């Protein structure tokens, strides 16, 4: 769960391709 949270923060900071990865992680 902690790793998922870190990914979310990274997505928001980068605001780009990372956002797509975040969506994929949510599906998982």
PDB file of N, CA and C in Angstrom:
ATOM      1  N   UNK A   1       0.840  -1.214   0.000  1.00  0.00           N
ATOM      2  CA  UNK A   1       0.000   0.000   0.000  1.00  0.00           C
ATOM      3  C   UNK A   1       0.871   1.259   0.000  1.00  0.00           C
ATOM      4  N   UNK A   2       1.949   1.185   0.753  1.00  0.00           N
ATOM      5  CA  UNK A   2       2.853   2.340   0.825  1.00  0.00           C
ATOM      6  C   UNK A   2       3.434   2.625  -0.562  1.00  0.00           C
ATOM      7  N   UNK A   3       3.799   1.554  -1.270  1.00  0.00           N
ATOM      8  CA  UNK A   3       4.382   1.727  -2.603  1.00  0.00           C
ATOM      9  C   UNK A   3       3.374   2.398  -3.542  1.00  0.00           C
ATOM     10  N   UNK A   4       2.115   2.004  -3.434  1.00  0.00           N
ATOM     11  CA  UNK A   4       1.073   2.573  -4.284  1.00  0.00           C
ATOM     12  C   UNK A   4       0.950   4.070  -4.019  1.00  0.00           C
ATOM     13  N   UNK A   5       0.989   4.441  -2.741  1.00  0.00           N
ATOM     14  CA  UNK A   5       0.873   5.850  -2.368  1.00  0.00           C
ATOM     15  C   UNK A   5       2.032   6.645  -2.974  1.00  0.00           C
ATOM     16  N   UNK A   6       3.238   6.065  -2.882  1.00  0.00           N
ATOM     17  CA  UNK A   6       4.419   6.741  -3.441  1.00  0.00           C
ATOM     18  C   UNK A   6       4.234   6.954  -4.946  1.00  0.00           C
ATOM     19  N   UNK A   7       3.686   5.960  -5.615  1.00  0.00           N
ATOM     20  CA  UNK A   7       3.478   6.065  -7.055  1.00  0.00           C
ATOM     21  C   UNK A   7       2.499   7.195  -7.366  1.00  0.00           C
ATOM     22  N   UNK A   8       1.467   7.309  -6.551  1.00  0.00           N
ATOM     23  CA  UNK A   8       0.475   8.360  -6.757  1.00  0.00           C
ATOM     24  C   UNK A   8       1.123   9.737  -6.663  1.00  0.00           C
ATOM     25  N   UNK A   9       1.930   9.926  -5.630  1.00  0.00           N
ATOM     26  CA  UNK A   9       2.602  11.212  -5.439  1.00  0.00           C
ATOM     27  C   UNK A   9       3.494  11.513  -6.636  1.00  0.00           C
ATOM     28  N   UNK A  10       4.217  10.479  -7.109  1.00  0.00           N
ATOM     29  CA  UNK A  10       5.115  10.667  -8.245  1.00  0.00           C
ATOM     30  C   UNK A  10       4.315  11.082  -9.476  1.00  0.00           C
ATOM     31  N   UNK A  11       3.150  10.465  -9.656  1.00  0.00           N
ATOM     32  CA  UNK A  11       2.317  10.787 -10.816  1.00  0.00           C
ATOM     33  C   UNK A  11       1.893  12.249 -10.765  1.00  0.00           C
ATOM     34  N   UNK A  12       1.485  12.700  -9.606  1.00  0.00           N
ATOM     35  CA  UNK A  12       1.022  14.082  -9.459  1.00  0.00           C
ATOM     36  C   UNK A  12       2.184  15.055  -9.704  1.00  0.00           C
ATOM     37  N   UNK A  13       3.363  14.696  -9.199  1.00  0.00           N
ATOM     38  CA  UNK A  13       4.532  15.574  -9.378  1.00  0.00           C
ATOM     39  C   UNK A  13       4.938  15.648 -10.843  1.00  0.00           C
ATOM     40  N   UNK A  14       4.998  14.494 -11.492  1.00  0.00           N
ATOM     41  CA  UNK A  14       5.402  14.465 -12.897  1.00  0.00           C
ATOM     42  C   UNK A  14       4.273  14.996 -13.787  1.00  0.00           C
ATOM     43  N   UNK A  15       3.053  14.544 -13.512  1.00  0.00           N
ATOM     44  CA  UNK A  15       1.896  14.996 -14.281  1.00  0.00           C
ATOM     45  C   UNK A  15       2.127  14.757 -15.780  1.00  0.00           C
ATOM     46  N   UNK A  16       2.151  13.473 -16.156  1.00  0.00           N
ATOM     47  CA  UNK A  16       2.377  13.162 -17.568  1.00  0.00           C
ATOM     48  C   UNK A  16       2.184  11.682 -17.826  1.00  0.00           C
ATOM     49  N   UNK A  17       3.184  11.051 -18.400  1.00  0.00           N
ATOM     50  CA  UNK A  17       3.086   9.607 -18.660  1.00  0.00           C
ATOM     51  C   UNK A  17       2.890   8.841 -17.359  1.00  0.00           C
ATOM     52  N   UNK A  18       3.460   9.380 -16.262  1.00  0.00           N
ATOM     53  CA  UNK A  18       3.349   8.706 -14.976  1.00  0.00           C
ATOM     54  C   UNK A  18       1.872   8.563 -14.594  1.00  0.00           C
ATOM     55  N   UNK A  19       1.050   9.535 -14.973  1.00  0.00           N
ATOM     56  CA  UNK A  19      -0.369   9.475 -14.631  1.00  0.00           C
ATOM     57  C   UNK A  19      -0.994   8.211 -15.211  1.00  0.00           C
ATOM     58  N   UNK A  20      -0.609   7.872 -16.435  1.00  0.00           N
ATOM     59  CA  UNK A  20      -1.139   6.668 -17.064  1.00  0.00           C
ATOM     60  C   UNK A  20      -0.779   5.434 -16.240  1.00  0.00           C
ATOM     61  N   UNK A  21       0.468   5.406 -15.729  1.00  0.00           N
ATOM     62  CA  UNK A  21       0.913   4.266 -14.920  1.00  0.00           C
ATOM     63  C   UNK A  21       0.073   4.194 -13.650  1.00  0.00           C
ATOM     64  N   UNK A  22      -0.236   5.354 -13.084  1.00  0.00           N
ATOM     65  CA  UNK A  22      -1.027   5.388 -11.852  1.00  0.00           C
ATOM     66  C   UNK A  22      -2.397   4.757 -12.089  1.00  0.00           C
ATOM     67  N   UNK A  23      -3.011   5.067 -13.206  1.00  0.00           N
ATOM     68  CA  UNK A  23      -4.327   4.513 -13.531  1.00  0.00           C
ATOM     69  C   UNK A  23      -4.217   2.989 -13.649  1.00  0.00           C
ATOM     70  N   UNK A  24      -3.144   2.534 -14.315  1.00  0.00           N
ATOM     71  CA  UNK A  24      -2.954   1.083 -14.472  1.00  0.00           C
ATOM     72  C   UNK A  24      -2.788   0.420 -13.113  1.00  0.00           C
ATOM     73  N   UNK A  25      -2.072   1.085 -12.209  1.00  0.00           N
ATOM     74  CA  UNK A  25      -1.844   0.519 -10.877  1.00  0.00           C
ATOM     75  C   UNK A  25      -3.179   0.409 -10.143  1.00  0.00           C
ATOM     76  N   UNK A  26      -4.056   1.402 -10.325  1.00  0.00           N
ATOM     77  CA  UNK A  26      -5.345   1.376  -9.634  1.00  0.00           C
ATOM     78  C   UNK A  26      -6.144   0.145 -10.067  1.00  0.00           C
ATOM     79  N   UNK A  27      -6.073  -0.173 -11.362  1.00  0.00           N
ATOM     80  CA  UNK A  27      -6.802  -1.345 -11.861  1.00  0.00           C
ATOM     81  C   UNK A  27      -6.299  -2.613 -11.186  1.00  0.00           C
ATOM     82  N   UNK A  28      -4.995  -2.663 -10.926  1.00  0.00           N
ATOM     83  CA  UNK A  28      -4.408  -3.833 -10.291  1.00  0.00           C
ATOM     84  C   UNK A  28      -4.962  -3.927  -8.885  1.00  0.00           C
TER      85      UNK A  28
END
